[in-house]
Amino acid sequence: MPQSLQDVLDLFDVQDLGGASYRGAQPVDDVPRVRVFGGQVVAQAMAAAARTVSGRLLHSLHASFLRPGNPAVPLRYEVTSLREGRTFSTRRVTTVQGDVVVMEAMASFIEPIAGDDYQQPMPLVTPPEALPTLDEQLAPYIDEGYAELARLKLFEMRYIDPPPRVAVDAGVPEEAVCRVWFRVESAPPRALLTDPMLAQCLLGYVSDWTILDPVQVGVGKTWQSMETMASLDHTMWFHRPVDFSDWLLYDQRAPSAIGGRGLASGLIYNRSGELVCTVTQEGYLGRRR
């Protein structure tokens, strides 16, 4: 996994190969991976699509994961312009390794316009300063590798509801909910605070870390006890500017899990209570594909 926040941000600096084709680097790993992290592919696809659009910001991304990516092989992002309208620009991004298609995504960008304003209010939750760290919550499971996993994420996380491993020991709850505060562990570089697209890419990256947590809570199993758990698709709608200078709240819920599939949704709020982004993902919980 990347060793610093800057290592993560560098992944979004995709290389222009010409002809609306871009190369996405792989992180230098000290922990072996069997497949590419889905959030990385999503974020690099966003970055590649944005290279072909001027003066407009991403407002939605719909991605379908078709095959697991090989972490030892660079990713190539082929961008196709489907629409260039007065208000919207639409791009299709095909992610490939060699001749293998890893992901297909549709990205839509919008010209800044004035309009009516409404949002679902942020829930009343415990502030992050009053919550234990993830390391503290997972300390009893250090022999299972969970404490080490917490340190790999490069984001400080404070769970309001018990994280999946703790929740499993407590029994299946009535509602599959997993709310978590998160922020970057180190001081955010200036570019992250001044470049809206870079901030969107980072949110795309981190949004995939915990989105299936409520599914694990709902079925009473963690990913380590399943034969496999993988993302099938990932959708994001960006509502308001992303600000990594403070904590963000990820309100995640799982309305259903059945037939080897689990559906999760998440609302991401900033510390001021503004709804920044909506995320949905369906995960595969069955036998190895």
Protein backbone atom coordinates (compact mmCIF):
# COMPACT_ATOMS: atom_id res chain seq x y z
CA MET A 1 0.00 0.00 0.00
CA PRO A 2 1.14 3.63 -0.40
CA GLN A 3 3.30 4.78 2.49
CA SER A 4 2.24 8.43 2.65
CA LEU A 5 -0.56 10.76 1.62
CA GLN A 6 1.69 12.19 -1.09
CA ASP A 7 2.21 8.67 -2.47
CA VAL A 8 -1.57 8.38 -2.83
CA LEU A 9 -1.92 11.79 -4.48
CA ASP A 10 0.89 10.93 -6.90
CA LEU A 11 -1.21 8.00 -8.15
CA PHE A 12 -3.72 10.50 -9.53
CA ASP A 13 -1.10 12.20 -11.71
CA VAL A 14 -1.84 9.96 -14.67
CA GLN A 15 0.60 10.02 -17.58
CA ASP A 16 -0.69 11.33 -20.92
CA LEU A 17 0.04 8.73 -23.61
CA GLY A 18 -1.67 10.72 -26.36
CA GLY A 19 -4.97 10.09 -28.08
CA ALA A 20 -6.99 10.45 -24.84
CA SER A 21 -5.11 7.50 -23.33
CA TYR A 22 -3.52 7.72 -19.89
CA ARG A 23 -1.25 5.51 -17.83
CA GLY A 24 -1.92 5.00 -14.14
CA ALA A 25 1.02 3.97 -11.98
CA GLN A 26 0.86 1.29 -9.31
CA PRO A 27 1.97 2.07 -5.74
CA VAL A 28 5.20 0.67 -4.35
CA ASP A 29 4.10 -2.03 -1.93
CA ASP A 30 5.65 -3.27 1.27
CA VAL A 31 2.59 -5.48 1.81
CA PRO A 32 1.85 -7.91 -1.07
CA ARG A 33 -1.51 -7.48 -2.80
CA VAL A 34 -3.41 -10.02 -4.86
CA ARG A 35 -5.43 -7.40 -6.74
CA VAL A 36 -5.58 -3.66 -7.33
CA PHE A 37 -7.52 -1.64 -4.76
CA GLY A 38 -10.81 -0.57 -6.37
CA GLY A 39 -10.62 2.95 -4.98
CA GLN A 40 -7.33 3.45 -6.81
CA VAL A 41 -8.87 2.47 -10.15
CA VAL A 42 -11.89 4.71 -9.54
CA ALA A 43 -9.71 7.70 -8.62
CA GLN A 44 -7.33 7.27 -11.55
CA ALA A 45 -10.27 6.95 -13.95
CA MET A 46 -11.67 10.19 -12.54
CA ALA A 47 -8.30 11.89 -13.04
CA ALA A 48 -8.01 10.62 -16.62
CA ALA A 49 -11.52 11.78 -17.54
CA ALA A 50 -10.87 15.21 -16.00
CA ARG A 51 -7.82 15.67 -18.24
CA THR A 52 -10.19 15.86 -21.23
CA VAL A 53 -12.57 18.44 -19.72
CA SER A 54 -11.98 22.15 -19.12
CA GLY A 55 -13.82 24.46 -16.72
CA ARG A 56 -16.25 21.81 -15.45
CA LEU A 57 -16.28 19.68 -12.31
CA LEU A 58 -17.18 16.04 -11.94
CA HIS A 59 -20.68 15.57 -10.50
CA SER A 60 -21.21 11.84 -11.01
CA LEU A 61 -19.28 8.66 -11.67
CA HIS A 62 -20.74 5.22 -12.41
CA ALA A 63 -18.14 2.44 -12.47
CA SER A 64 -18.46 -1.30 -13.05
CA PHE A 65 -15.61 -3.59 -11.99
CA LEU A 66 -15.32 -6.39 -14.54
CA ARG A 67 -12.14 -8.18 -13.49
CA PRO A 68 -9.60 -7.86 -10.67
CA GLY A 69 -6.58 -5.80 -11.63
CA ASN A 70 -3.01 -7.10 -11.43
CA PRO A 71 -1.07 -4.90 -8.96
CA ALA A 72 2.20 -5.59 -10.79
CA VAL A 73 0.99 -4.18 -14.13
CA PRO A 74 0.31 -0.47 -14.88
CA LEU A 75 -3.26 0.48 -15.75
CA ARG A 76 -4.24 2.21 -18.98
CA TYR A 77 -7.27 4.50 -19.11
CA GLU A 78 -8.90 5.04 -22.50
CA VAL A 79 -11.19 8.09 -22.46
CA THR A 80 -13.98 8.55 -24.99
CA SER A 81 -15.95 11.79 -25.30
CA LEU A 82 -19.65 10.95 -25.54
CA ARG A 83 -21.12 14.41 -25.09
CA GLU A 84 -19.95 18.02 -25.05
CA GLY A 85 -23.07 20.08 -24.31
CA ARG A 86 -23.75 23.59 -23.09
CA THR A 87 -23.89 22.42 -19.47
CA PHE A 88 -22.66 18.82 -19.32
CA SER A 89 -19.66 16.86 -20.59
CA THR A 90 -19.83 13.05 -20.55
CA ARG A 91 -16.86 10.70 -20.77
CA ARG A 92 -16.54 6.94 -20.91
CA VAL A 93 -13.39 5.56 -19.31
CA THR A 94 -12.25 2.03 -20.13
CA THR A 95 -9.57 0.69 -17.80
CA VAL A 96 -7.37 -2.00 -19.33
CA GLN A 97 -4.30 -4.08 -18.55
CA GLY A 98 -2.90 -5.49 -21.76
CA ASP A 99 -6.03 -6.67 -23.61
CA VAL A 100 -8.05 -7.26 -20.44
CA VAL A 101 -10.77 -4.75 -19.50
CA VAL A 102 -10.69 -4.20 -15.73
CA MET A 103 -13.34 -1.49 -15.32
CA GLU A 104 -15.81 0.55 -17.34
CA ALA A 105 -16.88 3.95 -16.03
CA MET A 106 -19.12 6.83 -17.05
CA ALA A 107 -18.13 10.26 -15.77
CA SER A 108 -20.28 13.38 -16.08
CA PHE A 109 -18.99 16.93 -15.61
CA ILE A 110 -21.10 20.07 -15.17
CA GLU A 111 -20.65 23.77 -15.81
CA PRO A 112 -21.07 25.73 -12.54
CA ILE A 113 -24.65 27.04 -12.48
CA ALA A 114 -27.00 28.57 -9.91
CA GLY A 115 -29.93 26.51 -8.64
CA ASP A 116 -32.13 25.56 -5.71
CA ASP A 117 -30.43 24.11 -2.64
CA TYR A 118 -31.62 21.23 -0.44
CA GLN A 119 -29.97 18.37 1.41
CA GLN A 120 -30.73 15.66 3.93
CA PRO A 121 -29.51 16.95 7.31
CA MET A 122 -26.44 15.38 8.87
CA PRO A 123 -27.40 12.99 11.70
CA LEU A 124 -26.63 13.95 15.28
CA VAL A 125 -23.58 11.85 16.15
CA THR A 126 -20.74 11.76 18.65
CA PRO A 127 -17.91 14.10 17.59
CA PRO A 128 -14.65 12.40 16.56
CA GLU A 129 -12.67 13.83 19.49
CA ALA A 130 -14.89 11.87 21.90
CA LEU A 131 -14.39 8.52 20.13
CA PRO A 132 -11.62 5.91 20.47
CA THR A 133 -9.10 5.50 17.68
CA LEU A 134 -9.42 2.57 15.29
CA ASP A 135 -6.21 1.11 16.70
CA GLU A 136 -7.74 1.16 20.17
CA GLN A 137 -10.94 -0.50 18.98
CA LEU A 138 -9.09 -3.24 17.10
CA ALA A 139 -6.37 -3.85 19.70
CA PRO A 140 -8.08 -7.04 21.02
CA TYR A 141 -7.77 -8.51 17.53
CA ILE A 142 -4.10 -7.72 16.94
CA ASP A 143 -3.31 -11.41 16.41
CA GLU A 144 -5.74 -11.41 13.49
CA GLY A 145 -3.94 -8.56 11.75
CA TYR A 146 -6.67 -5.95 12.20
CA ALA A 147 -4.56 -3.50 14.19
CA GLU A 148 -1.90 -3.54 11.48
CA LEU A 149 -4.58 -2.99 8.83
CA ALA A 150 -5.73 0.14 10.66
CA ARG A 151 -2.26 1.64 10.40
CA LEU A 152 -2.04 1.02 6.65
CA LYS A 153 -4.91 3.25 5.67
CA LEU A 154 -3.18 6.65 5.87
CA PHE A 155 -6.44 8.08 7.15
CA GLU A 156 -7.39 8.55 10.77
CA MET A 157 -10.73 6.87 11.38
CA ARG A 158 -13.07 7.09 14.36
CA TYR A 159 -16.02 4.69 14.27
CA ILE A 160 -19.29 5.86 15.83
CA ASP A 161 -20.82 2.41 15.48
CA PRO A 162 -18.62 -0.64 16.17
CA PRO A 163 -16.39 -1.55 13.20
CA PRO A 164 -17.29 -4.88 11.57
CA ARG A 165 -14.90 -7.08 13.58
CA VAL A 166 -16.19 -5.68 16.87
CA ALA A 167 -19.81 -5.73 15.70
CA VAL A 168 -19.59 -9.40 14.72
CA ASP A 169 -18.67 -10.35 18.29
CA ALA A 170 -21.61 -8.30 19.57
CA GLY A 171 -24.15 -10.12 17.38
CA VAL A 172 -26.13 -9.09 14.31
CA PRO A 173 -27.86 -5.72 14.97
CA GLU A 174 -31.39 -4.78 13.94
CA GLU A 175 -30.05 -2.31 11.39
CA ALA A 176 -26.88 -2.59 9.31
CA VAL A 177 -25.32 0.80 9.98
CA CYS A 178 -21.66 1.77 10.17
CA ARG A 179 -20.87 5.46 10.61
CA VAL A 180 -17.29 6.63 10.70
CA TRP A 181 -15.42 9.92 10.87
CA PHE A 182 -12.25 10.13 8.76
CA ARG A 183 -9.53 12.62 7.90
CA VAL A 184 -6.04 12.53 6.43
CA GLU A 185 -3.48 11.65 9.11
CA SER A 186 -0.87 14.19 8.02
CA ALA A 187 -1.31 17.89 7.28
CA PRO A 188 -2.96 18.11 3.84
CA PRO A 189 -0.72 19.66 1.17
CA ARG A 190 -1.83 22.97 -0.29
CA ALA A 191 -2.74 21.37 -3.62
CA LEU A 192 -5.33 19.16 -1.90
CA LEU A 193 -7.02 22.24 -0.45
CA THR A 194 -6.93 24.34 -3.63
CA ASP A 195 -7.48 21.81 -6.44
CA PRO A 196 -11.14 20.65 -6.41
CA MET A 197 -10.50 17.75 -8.79
CA LEU A 198 -7.59 16.43 -6.72
CA ALA A 199 -9.84 16.47 -3.65
CA GLN A 200 -12.56 14.62 -5.57
CA CYS A 201 -10.03 11.98 -6.65
CA LEU A 202 -8.91 11.44 -3.07
CA LEU A 203 -12.51 11.12 -1.93
CA GLY A 204 -13.06 8.57 -4.69
CA TYR A 205 -10.07 6.65 -3.36
CA VAL A 206 -11.06 6.63 0.30
CA SER A 207 -14.79 6.11 -0.35
CA ASP A 208 -14.05 2.49 -1.27
CA TRP A 209 -12.26 1.68 2.01
CA THR A 210 -15.26 1.17 4.27
CA ILE A 211 -18.39 1.27 2.08
CA LEU A 212 -19.02 -2.48 2.53
CA ASP A 213 -18.62 -2.30 6.31
CA PRO A 214 -22.40 -2.17 6.93
CA VAL A 215 -22.85 -5.24 4.71
CA GLN A 216 -20.39 -7.15 6.90
CA VAL A 217 -22.23 -5.92 9.99
CA GLY A 218 -25.59 -6.98 8.53
CA VAL A 219 -24.54 -10.53 7.63
CA GLY A 220 -22.47 -10.97 10.79
CA LYS A 221 -19.25 -11.81 8.95
CA THR A 222 -16.02 -9.93 8.24
CA TRP A 223 -14.18 -10.02 4.94
CA GLN A 224 -11.50 -12.22 6.51
CA SER A 225 -14.07 -14.92 7.30
CA MET A 226 -15.58 -14.87 3.79
CA GLU A 227 -14.26 -16.87 0.84
CA THR A 228 -14.16 -13.64 -1.11
CA MET A 229 -15.50 -10.09 -0.94
CA ALA A 230 -15.12 -7.80 -3.92
CA SER A 231 -16.66 -4.65 -5.35
CA LEU A 232 -18.97 -5.13 -8.32
CA ASP A 233 -19.70 -1.47 -8.98
CA HIS A 234 -19.17 1.94 -7.44
CA THR A 235 -21.23 5.09 -7.95
CA MET A 236 -20.58 8.59 -6.63
CA TRP A 237 -22.54 11.82 -6.85
CA PHE A 238 -20.63 14.95 -5.83
CA HIS A 239 -22.92 17.61 -4.38
CA ARG A 240 -20.65 20.18 -2.73
CA PRO A 241 -16.91 20.96 -2.54
CA VAL A 242 -14.69 18.40 -0.83
CA ASP A 243 -12.63 19.83 2.04
CA PHE A 244 -9.92 17.65 3.60
CA SER A 245 -8.84 20.29 6.13
CA ASP A 246 -11.16 18.75 8.75
CA TRP A 247 -13.04 15.58 9.60
CA LEU A 248 -15.61 14.10 7.20
CA LEU A 249 -18.50 11.88 8.31
CA TYR A 250 -19.31 8.74 6.30
CA ASP A 251 -22.85 7.60 7.17
CA GLN A 252 -22.96 4.07 5.69
CA ARG A 253 -25.92 1.69 5.58
CA ALA A 254 -26.74 -1.64 3.96
CA PRO A 255 -30.39 -2.06 2.91
CA SER A 256 -29.94 -5.61 1.59
CA ALA A 257 -27.68 -8.65 1.30
CA ILE A 258 -28.88 -11.74 -0.56
CA GLY A 259 -27.67 -14.27 -3.11
CA GLY A 260 -23.99 -13.50 -2.59
CA ARG A 261 -24.52 -9.76 -3.12
CA GLY A 262 -24.61 -6.94 -0.61
CA LEU A 263 -25.73 -3.38 -1.32
CA ALA A 264 -24.39 -0.42 0.62
CA SER A 265 -24.95 3.33 0.46
CA GLY A 266 -23.13 6.17 2.14
CA LEU A 267 -23.62 9.89 2.70
CA ILE A 268 -20.45 11.93 3.23
CA TYR A 269 -20.79 15.16 5.22
CA ASN A 270 -18.23 17.79 6.13
CA ARG A 271 -17.79 18.97 9.71
CA SER A 272 -20.18 21.87 9.08
CA GLY A 273 -22.98 19.44 8.21
CA GLU A 274 -22.98 19.99 4.44
CA LEU A 275 -23.71 16.91 2.32
CA VAL A 276 -20.64 16.54 0.12
CA CYS A 277 -21.16 13.24 -1.67
CA THR A 278 -23.45 10.22 -2.00
CA VAL A 279 -21.91 6.78 -2.62
CA THR A 280 -23.44 3.41 -3.50
CA GLN A 281 -21.74 0.08 -4.06
CA GLU A 282 -22.78 -3.52 -4.58
CA GLY A 283 -20.32 -6.10 -3.30
CA TYR A 284 -19.87 -9.76 -4.13
CA LEU A 285 -19.80 -12.06 -1.10
CA GLY A 286 -19.89 -15.49 -2.76
CA ARG A 287 -17.40 -18.07 -3.96
CA ARG A 288 -14.35 -17.04 -5.91
CA ARG A 289 -15.25 -15.94 -9.42
